[in-house]
């Protein structure tokens, strides 16, 4: 408990589990899990991160403090 705030690990873990990594070609075309293009070493691949995780000390609350 820091500054009279309780940690919200469950919300952080939920956000961490949402993060996804997708392999794509250089042009952004999505690849399947085990598939690589024939010339991927020469052409290259990219990794697209969906819902990137950021550790937040406190979650946003919907309550307004007067």
PDB file of N, CA and C in Angstrom:
ATOM      1  N   UNK A   1       0.846  -1.159   0.000  1.00  0.00           N
ATOM      2  CA  UNK A   1       0.000   0.000   0.000  1.00  0.00           C
ATOM      3  C   UNK A   1       0.903   1.236   0.000  1.00  0.00           C
ATOM      4  N   UNK A   2       0.836   1.957  -1.060  1.00  0.00           N
ATOM      5  CA  UNK A   2       1.658   3.143  -1.240  1.00  0.00           C
ATOM      6  C   UNK A   2       0.745   4.346  -1.366  1.00  0.00           C
ATOM      7  N   UNK A   3       0.969   5.339  -0.534  1.00  0.00           N
ATOM      8  CA  UNK A   3       0.153   6.551  -0.546  1.00  0.00           C
ATOM      9  C   UNK A   3      -1.333   6.238  -0.366  1.00  0.00           C
ATOM     10  N   UNK A   4      -1.608   5.298   0.502  1.00  0.00           N
ATOM     11  CA  UNK A   4      -2.971   4.894   0.839  1.00  0.00           C
ATOM     12  C   UNK A   4      -3.768   4.407  -0.366  1.00  0.00           C
ATOM     13  N   UNK A   5      -3.090   3.849  -1.355  1.00  0.00           N
ATOM     14  CA  UNK A   5      -3.733   3.268  -2.530  1.00  0.00           C
ATOM     15  C   UNK A   5      -3.454   1.767  -2.515  1.00  0.00           C
ATOM     16  N   UNK A   6      -4.431   0.973  -2.800  1.00  0.00           N
ATOM     17  CA  UNK A   6      -4.201  -0.463  -2.859  1.00  0.00           C
ATOM     18  C   UNK A   6      -3.741  -0.842  -4.273  1.00  0.00           C
ATOM     19  N   UNK A   7      -2.816  -1.808  -4.393  1.00  0.00           N
ATOM     20  CA  UNK A   7      -2.357  -2.206  -5.735  1.00  0.00           C
ATOM     21  C   UNK A   7      -3.472  -2.916  -6.494  1.00  0.00           C
ATOM     22  N   UNK A   8      -3.417  -2.803  -7.796  1.00  0.00           N
ATOM     23  CA  UNK A   8      -4.461  -3.390  -8.639  1.00  0.00           C
ATOM     24  C   UNK A   8      -3.822  -4.375  -9.605  1.00  0.00           C
ATOM     25  N   UNK A   9      -3.190  -5.409  -9.049  1.00  0.00           N
ATOM     26  CA  UNK A   9      -2.471  -6.394  -9.852  1.00  0.00           C
ATOM     27  C   UNK A   9      -3.399  -7.146 -10.784  1.00  0.00           C
ATOM     28  N   UNK A  10      -4.619  -7.416 -10.347  1.00  0.00           N
ATOM     29  CA  UNK A  10      -5.536  -8.189 -11.197  1.00  0.00           C
ATOM     30  C   UNK A  10      -5.856  -7.431 -12.483  1.00  0.00           C
ATOM     31  N   UNK A  11      -6.021  -6.113 -12.386  1.00  0.00           N
ATOM     32  CA  UNK A  11      -6.290  -5.323 -13.594  1.00  0.00           C
ATOM     33  C   UNK A  11      -5.059  -5.267 -14.492  1.00  0.00           C
ATOM     34  N   UNK A  12      -3.863  -5.182 -13.892  1.00  0.00           N
ATOM     35  CA  UNK A  12      -2.637  -5.171 -14.682  1.00  0.00           C
ATOM     36  C   UNK A  12      -2.433  -6.509 -15.394  1.00  0.00           C
ATOM     37  N   UNK A  13      -2.714  -7.617 -14.709  1.00  0.00           N
ATOM     38  CA  UNK A  13      -2.570  -8.932 -15.336  1.00  0.00           C
ATOM     39  C   UNK A  13      -3.575  -9.124 -16.461  1.00  0.00           C
ATOM     40  N   UNK A  14      -4.777  -8.581 -16.289  1.00  0.00           N
ATOM     41  CA  UNK A  14      -5.790  -8.676 -17.344  1.00  0.00           C
ATOM     42  C   UNK A  14      -5.321  -7.920 -18.588  1.00  0.00           C
ATOM     43  N   UNK A  15      -4.727  -6.732 -18.387  1.00  0.00           N
ATOM     44  CA  UNK A  15      -4.198  -5.962 -19.516  1.00  0.00           C
ATOM     45  C   UNK A  15      -3.022  -6.676 -20.167  1.00  0.00           C
ATOM     46  N   UNK A  16      -2.168  -7.308 -19.349  1.00  0.00           N
ATOM     47  CA  UNK A  16      -1.019  -8.038 -19.885  1.00  0.00           C
ATOM     48  C   UNK A  16      -1.464  -9.224 -20.735  1.00  0.00           C
ATOM     49  N   UNK A  17      -2.519  -9.901 -20.333  1.00  0.00           N
ATOM     50  CA  UNK A  17      -3.017 -11.053 -21.085  1.00  0.00           C
ATOM     51  C   UNK A  17      -3.677 -10.645 -22.396  1.00  0.00           C
ATOM     52  N   UNK A  18      -4.084  -9.387 -22.536  1.00  0.00           N
ATOM     53  CA  UNK A  18      -4.682  -8.902 -23.792  1.00  0.00           C
ATOM     54  C   UNK A  18      -3.636  -8.663 -24.872  1.00  0.00           C
ATOM     55  N   UNK A  19      -2.373  -8.413 -24.457  1.00  0.00           N
ATOM     56  CA  UNK A  19      -1.328  -8.084 -25.426  1.00  0.00           C
ATOM     57  C   UNK A  19      -1.112  -9.249 -26.391  1.00  0.00           C
ATOM     58  N   UNK A  20      -1.034  -8.929 -27.696  1.00  0.00           N
ATOM     59  CA  UNK A  20      -0.867  -9.945 -28.736  1.00  0.00           C
ATOM     60  C   UNK A  20       0.286  -9.550 -29.646  1.00  0.00           C
ATOM     61  N   UNK A  21       1.041 -10.553 -30.101  1.00  0.00           N
ATOM     62  CA  UNK A  21       2.136 -10.329 -31.051  1.00  0.00           C
ATOM     63  C   UNK A  21       1.803 -11.082 -32.339  1.00  0.00           C
ATOM     64  N   UNK A  22       1.813 -10.365 -33.455  1.00  0.00           N
ATOM     65  CA  UNK A  22       1.453 -10.945 -34.752  1.00  0.00           C
ATOM     66  C   UNK A  22       2.620 -10.759 -35.706  1.00  0.00           C
ATOM     67  N   UNK A  23       3.058 -11.867 -36.323  1.00  0.00           N
ATOM     68  CA  UNK A  23       4.119 -11.793 -37.331  1.00  0.00           C
ATOM     69  C   UNK A  23       3.520 -11.323 -38.650  1.00  0.00           C
ATOM     70  N   UNK A  24       4.194 -10.364 -39.277  1.00  0.00           N
ATOM     71  CA  UNK A  24       3.722  -9.797 -40.539  1.00  0.00           C
ATOM     72  C   UNK A  24       4.883  -9.711 -41.524  1.00  0.00           C
ATOM     73  N   UNK A  25       4.537  -9.629 -42.802  1.00  0.00           N
ATOM     74  CA  UNK A  25       5.556  -9.361 -43.811  1.00  0.00           C
ATOM     75  C   UNK A  25       5.932  -7.887 -43.723  1.00  0.00           C
ATOM     76  N   UNK A  26       6.907  -7.494 -44.522  1.00  0.00           N
ATOM     77  CA  UNK A  26       7.339  -6.098 -44.518  1.00  0.00           C
ATOM     78  C   UNK A  26       6.203  -5.162 -44.933  1.00  0.00           C
ATOM     79  N   UNK A  27       5.278  -5.668 -45.752  1.00  0.00           N
ATOM     80  CA  UNK A  27       4.139  -4.862 -46.220  1.00  0.00           C
ATOM     81  C   UNK A  27       2.968  -4.869 -45.252  1.00  0.00           C
ATOM     82  N   UNK A  28       3.059  -5.622 -44.151  1.00  0.00           N
ATOM     83  CA  UNK A  28       1.996  -5.652 -43.158  1.00  0.00           C
ATOM     84  C   UNK A  28       0.997  -6.775 -43.333  1.00  0.00           C
ATOM     85  N   UNK A  29       1.266  -7.725 -44.237  1.00  0.00           N
ATOM     86  CA  UNK A  29       0.363  -8.862 -44.441  1.00  0.00           C
ATOM     87  C   UNK A  29       0.614  -9.868 -43.328  1.00  0.00           C
ATOM     88  N   UNK A  30      -0.455 -10.258 -42.627  1.00  0.00           N
ATOM     89  CA  UNK A  30      -0.346 -11.153 -41.489  1.00  0.00           C
ATOM     90  C   UNK A  30       0.040 -12.562 -41.914  1.00  0.00           C
ATOM     91  N   UNK A  31       0.936 -13.192 -41.154  1.00  0.00           N
ATOM     92  CA  UNK A  31       1.353 -14.569 -41.406  1.00  0.00           C
ATOM     93  C   UNK A  31       0.700 -15.490 -40.382  1.00  0.00           C
ATOM     94  N   UNK A  32       0.599 -16.770 -40.714  1.00  0.00           N
ATOM     95  CA  UNK A  32       0.052 -17.717 -39.752  1.00  0.00           C
ATOM     96  C   UNK A  32       1.127 -18.044 -38.710  1.00  0.00           C
ATOM     97  N   UNK A  33       0.745 -18.788 -37.668  1.00  0.00           N
ATOM     98  CA  UNK A  33       1.653 -19.092 -36.564  1.00  0.00           C
ATOM     99  C   UNK A  33       2.945 -19.763 -37.022  1.00  0.00           C
ATOM    100  N   UNK A  34       2.864 -20.805 -37.831  1.00  0.00           N
ATOM    101  CA  UNK A  34       4.054 -21.550 -38.227  1.00  0.00           C
ATOM    102  C   UNK A  34       4.579 -21.217 -39.608  1.00  0.00           C
ATOM    103  N   UNK A  35       3.946 -20.292 -40.297  1.00  0.00           N
ATOM    104  CA  UNK A  35       4.298 -19.997 -41.684  1.00  0.00           C
ATOM    105  C   UNK A  35       5.301 -18.856 -41.763  1.00  0.00           C
ATOM    106  N   UNK A  36       6.331 -19.045 -42.580  1.00  0.00           N
ATOM    107  CA  UNK A  36       7.265 -17.981 -42.917  1.00  0.00           C
ATOM    108  C   UNK A  36       7.346 -17.923 -44.433  1.00  0.00           C
ATOM    109  N   UNK A  37       7.432 -16.730 -45.018  1.00  0.00           N
ATOM    110  CA  UNK A  37       7.587 -16.647 -46.468  1.00  0.00           C
ATOM    111  C   UNK A  37       8.924 -17.257 -46.884  1.00  0.00           C
ATOM    112  N   UNK A  38       9.030 -17.653 -48.134  1.00  0.00           N
ATOM    113  CA  UNK A  38      10.254 -18.305 -48.608  1.00  0.00           C
ATOM    114  C   UNK A  38      11.479 -17.428 -48.431  1.00  0.00           C
ATOM    115  N   UNK A  39      11.388 -16.176 -48.758  1.00  0.00           N
ATOM    116  CA  UNK A  39      12.543 -15.284 -48.707  1.00  0.00           C
ATOM    117  C   UNK A  39      12.472 -14.334 -47.505  1.00  0.00           C
ATOM    118  N   UNK A  40      12.073 -14.841 -46.356  1.00  0.00           N
ATOM    119  CA  UNK A  40      11.875 -13.957 -45.221  1.00  0.00           C
ATOM    120  C   UNK A  40      13.192 -13.390 -44.703  1.00  0.00           C
ATOM    121  N   UNK A  41      14.282 -14.112 -44.863  1.00  0.00           N
ATOM    122  CA  UNK A  41      15.574 -13.570 -44.426  1.00  0.00           C
ATOM    123  C   UNK A  41      15.984 -12.370 -45.270  1.00  0.00           C
ATOM    124  N   UNK A  42      15.692 -12.428 -46.539  1.00  0.00           N
ATOM    125  CA  UNK A  42      16.058 -11.333 -47.439  1.00  0.00           C
ATOM    126  C   UNK A  42      15.036 -10.198 -47.361  1.00  0.00           C
ATOM    127  N   UNK A  43      13.745 -10.544 -47.370  1.00  0.00           N
ATOM    128  CA  UNK A  43      12.684  -9.537 -47.385  1.00  0.00           C
ATOM    129  C   UNK A  43      12.396  -8.968 -45.995  1.00  0.00           C
ATOM    130  N   UNK A  44      12.589  -9.770 -44.955  1.00  0.00           N
ATOM    131  CA  UNK A  44      12.350  -9.329 -43.584  1.00  0.00           C
ATOM    132  C   UNK A  44      10.929  -9.584 -43.117  1.00  0.00           C
ATOM    133  N   UNK A  45      10.749  -9.568 -41.815  1.00  0.00           N
ATOM    134  CA  UNK A  45       9.424  -9.685 -41.215  1.00  0.00           C
ATOM    135  C   UNK A  45       9.290  -8.589 -40.162  1.00  0.00           C
ATOM    136  N   UNK A  46       8.066  -8.315 -39.764  1.00  0.00           N
ATOM    137  CA  UNK A  46       7.779  -7.351 -38.709  1.00  0.00           C
ATOM    138  C   UNK A  46       6.882  -8.011 -37.682  1.00  0.00           C
ATOM    139  N   UNK A  47       6.922  -7.496 -36.466  1.00  0.00           N
ATOM    140  CA  UNK A  47       6.052  -7.988 -35.404  1.00  0.00           C
ATOM    141  C   UNK A  47       5.125  -6.846 -35.012  1.00  0.00           C
ATOM    142  N   UNK A  48       3.824  -7.089 -35.192  1.00  0.00           N
ATOM    143  CA  UNK A  48       2.812  -6.096 -34.840  1.00  0.00           C
ATOM    144  C   UNK A  48       2.336  -6.405 -33.417  1.00  0.00           C
ATOM    145  N   UNK A  49       2.324  -5.405 -32.541  1.00  0.00           N
ATOM    146  CA  UNK A  49       1.878  -5.594 -31.167  1.00  0.00           C
ATOM    147  C   UNK A  49       0.511  -4.941 -31.019  1.00  0.00           C
ATOM    148  N   UNK A  50      -0.478  -5.775 -30.703  1.00  0.00           N
ATOM    149  CA  UNK A  50      -1.831  -5.281 -30.468  1.00  0.00           C
ATOM    150  C   UNK A  50      -2.059  -5.164 -28.967  1.00  0.00           C
ATOM    151  N   UNK A  51      -2.725  -4.121 -28.545  1.00  0.00           N
ATOM    152  CA  UNK A  51      -3.011  -3.847 -27.141  1.00  0.00           C
ATOM    153  C   UNK A  51      -1.729  -3.872 -26.303  1.00  0.00           C
ATOM    154  N   UNK A  52      -0.751  -2.988 -26.601  1.00  0.00           N
ATOM    155  CA  UNK A  52       0.501  -3.013 -25.845  1.00  0.00           C
ATOM    156  C   UNK A  52       0.270  -2.769 -24.355  1.00  0.00           C
ATOM    157  N   UNK A  53       1.015  -3.492 -23.545  1.00  0.00           N
ATOM    158  CA  UNK A  53       0.865  -3.426 -22.092  1.00  0.00           C
ATOM    159  C   UNK A  53       1.747  -2.324 -21.524  1.00  0.00           C
ATOM    160  N   UNK A  54       1.171  -1.520 -20.658  1.00  0.00           N
ATOM    161  CA  UNK A  54       1.915  -0.512 -19.906  1.00  0.00           C
ATOM    162  C   UNK A  54       1.545  -0.666 -18.440  1.00  0.00           C
ATOM    163  N   UNK A  55       2.538  -0.803 -17.587  1.00  0.00           N
ATOM    164  CA  UNK A  55       2.287  -0.925 -16.155  1.00  0.00           C
ATOM    165  C   UNK A  55       1.877   0.436 -15.607  1.00  0.00           C
ATOM    166  N   UNK A  56       0.724   0.475 -14.962  1.00  0.00           N
ATOM    167  CA  UNK A  56       0.206   1.721 -14.408  1.00  0.00           C
ATOM    168  C   UNK A  56       0.199   1.603 -12.886  1.00  0.00           C
ATOM    169  N   UNK A  57       0.714   2.599 -12.170  1.00  0.00           N
ATOM    170  CA  UNK A  57       0.713   2.502 -10.716  1.00  0.00           C
ATOM    171  C   UNK A  57      -0.707   2.424 -10.148  1.00  0.00           C
ATOM    172  N   UNK A  58      -1.633   3.186 -10.722  1.00  0.00           N
ATOM    173  CA  UNK A  58      -3.016   3.142 -10.292  1.00  0.00           C
ATOM    174  C   UNK A  58      -3.907   3.192 -11.511  1.00  0.00           C
ATOM    175  N   UNK A  59      -4.951   2.402 -11.483  1.00  0.00           N
ATOM    176  CA  UNK A  59      -5.895   2.370 -12.607  1.00  0.00           C
ATOM    177  C   UNK A  59      -6.758   3.619 -12.564  1.00  0.00           C
ATOM    178  N   UNK A  60      -7.289   3.981 -13.718  1.00  0.00           N
ATOM    179  CA  UNK A  60      -8.185   5.132 -13.794  1.00  0.00           C
ATOM    180  C   UNK A  60      -9.514   4.770 -13.150  1.00  0.00           C
ATOM    181  N   UNK A  61     -10.040   5.665 -12.357  1.00  0.00           N
ATOM    182  CA  UNK A  61     -11.337   5.428 -11.724  1.00  0.00           C
ATOM    183  C   UNK A  61     -12.376   6.309 -12.393  1.00  0.00           C
ATOM    184  N   UNK A  62     -13.594   5.873 -12.343  1.00  0.00           N
ATOM    185  CA  UNK A  62     -14.673   6.637 -12.951  1.00  0.00           C
ATOM    186  C   UNK A  62     -15.287   7.627 -11.961  1.00  0.00           C
ATOM    187  N   UNK A  63     -14.867   7.563 -10.687  1.00  0.00           N
ATOM    188  CA  UNK A  63     -15.400   8.472  -9.680  1.00  0.00           C
ATOM    189  C   UNK A  63     -14.666   9.793  -9.741  1.00  0.00           C
ATOM    190  N   UNK A  64     -15.425  10.884  -9.572  1.00  0.00           N
ATOM    191  CA  UNK A  64     -14.821  12.205  -9.519  1.00  0.00           C
ATOM    192  C   UNK A  64     -14.668  12.631  -8.054  1.00  0.00           C
ATOM    193  N   UNK A  65     -13.517  13.174  -7.766  1.00  0.00           N
ATOM    194  CA  UNK A  65     -13.261  13.661  -6.410  1.00  0.00           C
ATOM    195  C   UNK A  65     -13.653  15.128  -6.369  1.00  0.00           C
ATOM    196  N   UNK A  66     -14.477  15.527  -5.381  1.00  0.00           N
ATOM    197  CA  UNK A  66     -14.935  16.927  -5.332  1.00  0.00           C
ATOM    198  C   UNK A  66     -13.816  17.885  -4.985  1.00  0.00           C
TER     199      UNK A  66
END
